[in-house]
Amino acid sequence: MKILIIFAHPNPKSFCGALKDSFIDGVNPNKHSVEVIDLYQEKFNPVSLGDNEITPEIEKYQQLISNANCL
């Protein structure tokens, strides 16, 4: 199973970060692959300027989401 975690918290040591890390530690790596998108670490800007441009960054995220069995 391909698992994708989309993490969006400015402090990686927050409670949310601990939940993410705990989940990753609990997943059996022999049966599941886990990928993390850390939107703050990647400095993702969620604001759309209305031009409907699909940036390479967005295309990468779309592909990761499409390939995932579990979000």
N, C-alpha and C. Protein backbone atom coordinates (compact mmCIF):
# COMPACT_ATOMS: atom_id res chain seq x y z
N MET A 1 0.84 -1.18 0.00
CA MET A 1 0.00 0.00 0.00
C MET A 1 0.89 1.24 0.00
N LYS A 2 0.51 2.21 -0.81
CA LYS A 2 1.21 3.49 -0.87
C LYS A 2 0.44 4.51 -0.04
N ILE A 3 1.09 5.00 1.01
CA ILE A 3 0.47 5.95 1.92
C ILE A 3 1.11 7.32 1.71
N LEU A 4 0.28 8.34 1.56
CA LEU A 4 0.76 9.71 1.42
C LEU A 4 0.24 10.53 2.58
N ILE A 5 1.16 11.17 3.29
CA ILE A 5 0.80 12.07 4.38
C ILE A 5 1.04 13.49 3.90
N ILE A 6 0.01 14.32 3.98
CA ILE A 6 0.15 15.74 3.66
C ILE A 6 0.16 16.47 4.99
N PHE A 7 1.33 16.97 5.35
CA PHE A 7 1.56 17.59 6.65
C PHE A 7 1.67 19.10 6.47
N ALA A 8 0.90 19.85 7.27
CA ALA A 8 0.92 21.30 7.15
C ALA A 8 0.87 21.93 8.54
N HIS A 9 2.03 22.02 9.16
CA HIS A 9 2.13 22.68 10.47
C HIS A 9 3.49 23.36 10.52
N PRO A 10 3.54 24.61 10.99
CA PRO A 10 4.81 25.34 10.98
C PRO A 10 5.86 24.77 11.94
N ASN A 11 5.42 24.03 12.96
CA ASN A 11 6.37 23.49 13.93
C ASN A 11 6.40 21.96 13.82
N PRO A 12 7.47 21.40 13.26
CA PRO A 12 7.52 19.94 13.10
C PRO A 12 7.55 19.19 14.43
N LYS A 13 7.84 19.88 15.54
CA LYS A 13 7.86 19.23 16.85
C LYS A 13 6.54 19.42 17.61
N SER A 14 5.52 19.87 16.90
CA SER A 14 4.20 20.07 17.50
C SER A 14 3.52 18.72 17.76
N PHE A 15 2.35 18.78 18.38
CA PHE A 15 1.56 17.57 18.60
C PHE A 15 1.22 16.91 17.26
N CYS A 16 0.87 17.73 16.27
CA CYS A 16 0.56 17.19 14.94
C CYS A 16 1.78 16.49 14.34
N GLY A 17 2.95 17.08 14.53
CA GLY A 17 4.18 16.46 14.05
C GLY A 17 4.44 15.13 14.75
N ALA A 18 4.17 15.09 16.06
CA ALA A 18 4.35 13.85 16.82
C ALA A 18 3.38 12.77 16.33
N LEU A 19 2.14 13.16 16.01
CA LEU A 19 1.18 12.20 15.47
C LEU A 19 1.67 11.64 14.13
N LYS A 20 2.18 12.52 13.28
CA LYS A 20 2.71 12.09 11.98
C LYS A 20 3.85 11.10 12.18
N ASP A 21 4.80 11.46 13.04
CA ASP A 21 5.96 10.59 13.28
C ASP A 21 5.55 9.26 13.89
N SER A 22 4.60 9.29 14.81
CA SER A 22 4.12 8.07 15.44
C SER A 22 3.43 7.16 14.42
N PHE A 23 2.65 7.75 13.55
CA PHE A 23 1.99 6.96 12.51
C PHE A 23 3.02 6.29 11.61
N ILE A 24 4.02 7.07 11.18
CA ILE A 24 5.06 6.52 10.31
C ILE A 24 5.79 5.38 11.01
N ASP A 25 6.11 5.56 12.29
CA ASP A 25 6.80 4.51 13.05
C ASP A 25 5.95 3.25 13.17
N GLY A 26 4.63 3.41 13.20
CA GLY A 26 3.74 2.27 13.38
C GLY A 26 3.42 1.51 12.11
N VAL A 27 3.73 2.08 10.96
CA VAL A 27 3.44 1.42 9.69
C VAL A 27 4.56 0.43 9.39
N ASN A 28 4.17 -0.76 9.00
CA ASN A 28 5.16 -1.78 8.67
C ASN A 28 5.82 -1.43 7.34
N PRO A 29 7.11 -1.06 7.34
CA PRO A 29 7.76 -0.65 6.09
C PRO A 29 7.91 -1.78 5.07
N ASN A 30 7.77 -3.02 5.51
CA ASN A 30 7.88 -4.13 4.57
C ASN A 30 6.63 -4.30 3.71
N LYS A 31 5.52 -3.78 4.18
CA LYS A 31 4.26 -3.94 3.45
C LYS A 31 3.72 -2.63 2.89
N HIS A 32 4.19 -1.52 3.42
CA HIS A 32 3.64 -0.22 3.02
C HIS A 32 4.77 0.77 2.76
N SER A 33 4.57 1.62 1.78
CA SER A 33 5.50 2.72 1.57
C SER A 33 4.81 4.01 2.03
N VAL A 34 5.58 4.86 2.68
CA VAL A 34 5.04 6.10 3.22
C VAL A 34 5.81 7.26 2.62
N GLU A 35 5.09 8.22 2.07
CA GLU A 35 5.69 9.45 1.56
C GLU A 35 5.02 10.61 2.27
N VAL A 36 5.80 11.65 2.58
CA VAL A 36 5.29 12.82 3.29
C VAL A 36 5.51 14.06 2.43
N ILE A 37 4.45 14.83 2.28
CA ILE A 37 4.56 16.18 1.72
C ILE A 37 4.46 17.12 2.91
N ASP A 38 5.52 17.84 3.20
CA ASP A 38 5.53 18.82 4.29
C ASP A 38 5.40 20.20 3.65
N LEU A 39 4.19 20.73 3.67
CA LEU A 39 3.91 21.97 2.95
C LEU A 39 4.67 23.16 3.49
N TYR A 40 4.92 23.21 4.80
CA TYR A 40 5.70 24.32 5.36
C TYR A 40 7.16 24.19 4.99
N GLN A 41 7.69 22.98 5.07
CA GLN A 41 9.10 22.77 4.72
C GLN A 41 9.35 23.12 3.26
N GLU A 42 8.37 22.81 2.41
CA GLU A 42 8.51 23.11 0.98
C GLU A 42 8.10 24.54 0.64
N LYS A 43 7.71 25.31 1.65
CA LYS A 43 7.30 26.71 1.47
C LYS A 43 6.18 26.84 0.43
N PHE A 44 5.21 25.93 0.52
CA PHE A 44 4.08 25.92 -0.40
C PHE A 44 3.19 27.14 -0.16
N ASN A 45 2.84 27.84 -1.24
CA ASN A 45 1.94 28.98 -1.16
C ASN A 45 0.55 28.53 -1.64
N PRO A 46 -0.43 28.45 -0.73
CA PRO A 46 -1.75 27.94 -1.11
C PRO A 46 -2.64 28.95 -1.82
N VAL A 47 -2.18 30.17 -2.00
CA VAL A 47 -3.00 31.22 -2.59
C VAL A 47 -2.98 31.11 -4.11
N SER A 48 -4.18 31.00 -4.70
CA SER A 48 -4.31 30.97 -6.14
C SER A 48 -4.48 32.40 -6.64
N LEU A 49 -3.76 32.73 -7.69
CA LEU A 49 -3.84 34.08 -8.24
C LEU A 49 -4.92 34.19 -9.31
N GLY A 50 -5.68 33.12 -9.52
CA GLY A 50 -6.78 33.17 -10.47
C GLY A 50 -6.37 32.92 -11.91
N ASP A 51 -5.09 32.67 -12.15
CA ASP A 51 -4.65 32.45 -13.53
C ASP A 51 -4.76 30.98 -13.94
N ASN A 52 -5.14 30.12 -12.98
CA ASN A 52 -5.31 28.68 -13.22
C ASN A 52 -4.06 28.00 -13.75
N GLU A 53 -2.91 28.59 -13.51
CA GLU A 53 -1.65 27.97 -13.94
C GLU A 53 -1.34 26.79 -13.03
N ILE A 54 -1.01 25.67 -13.65
CA ILE A 54 -0.60 24.48 -12.90
C ILE A 54 0.92 24.46 -12.91
N THR A 55 1.50 24.75 -11.76
CA THR A 55 2.95 24.79 -11.65
C THR A 55 3.51 23.37 -11.57
N PRO A 56 4.80 23.20 -11.84
CA PRO A 56 5.41 21.88 -11.67
C PRO A 56 5.24 21.32 -10.25
N GLU A 57 5.26 22.20 -9.27
CA GLU A 57 5.06 21.79 -7.88
C GLU A 57 3.66 21.17 -7.70
N ILE A 58 2.64 21.81 -8.25
CA ILE A 58 1.27 21.30 -8.16
C ILE A 58 1.15 19.99 -8.93
N GLU A 59 1.77 19.90 -10.09
CA GLU A 59 1.74 18.66 -10.86
C GLU A 59 2.35 17.51 -10.07
N LYS A 60 3.45 17.80 -9.35
CA LYS A 60 4.09 16.77 -8.52
C LYS A 60 3.13 16.31 -7.42
N TYR A 61 2.48 17.25 -6.76
CA TYR A 61 1.52 16.90 -5.71
C TYR A 61 0.36 16.09 -6.28
N GLN A 62 -0.15 16.50 -7.45
CA GLN A 62 -1.26 15.77 -8.07
C GLN A 62 -0.86 14.33 -8.36
N GLN A 63 0.36 14.14 -8.85
CA GLN A 63 0.83 12.79 -9.17
C GLN A 63 0.96 11.94 -7.91
N LEU A 64 1.52 12.53 -6.85
CA LEU A 64 1.66 11.80 -5.59
C LEU A 64 0.29 11.40 -5.03
N ILE A 65 -0.68 12.30 -5.12
CA ILE A 65 -2.03 12.00 -4.64
C ILE A 65 -2.67 10.91 -5.49
N SER A 66 -2.51 11.00 -6.80
CA SER A 66 -3.09 9.99 -7.70
C SER A 66 -2.49 8.61 -7.45
N ASN A 67 -1.20 8.55 -7.14
CA ASN A 67 -0.52 7.27 -6.94
C ASN A 67 -0.79 6.66 -5.57
N ALA A 68 -1.27 7.45 -4.64
CA ALA A 68 -1.47 6.96 -3.27
C ALA A 68 -2.72 6.09 -3.16
N ASN A 69 -2.61 5.06 -2.33
CA ASN A 69 -3.77 4.23 -2.00
C ASN A 69 -4.49 4.76 -0.77
N CYS A 70 -3.77 5.54 0.02
CA CYS A 70 -4.31 6.04 1.28
C CYS A 70 -3.72 7.42 1.55
N LEU A 71 -4.58 8.37 1.93
CA LEU A 71 -4.13 9.72 2.28
C LEU A 71 -4.27 9.92 3.76
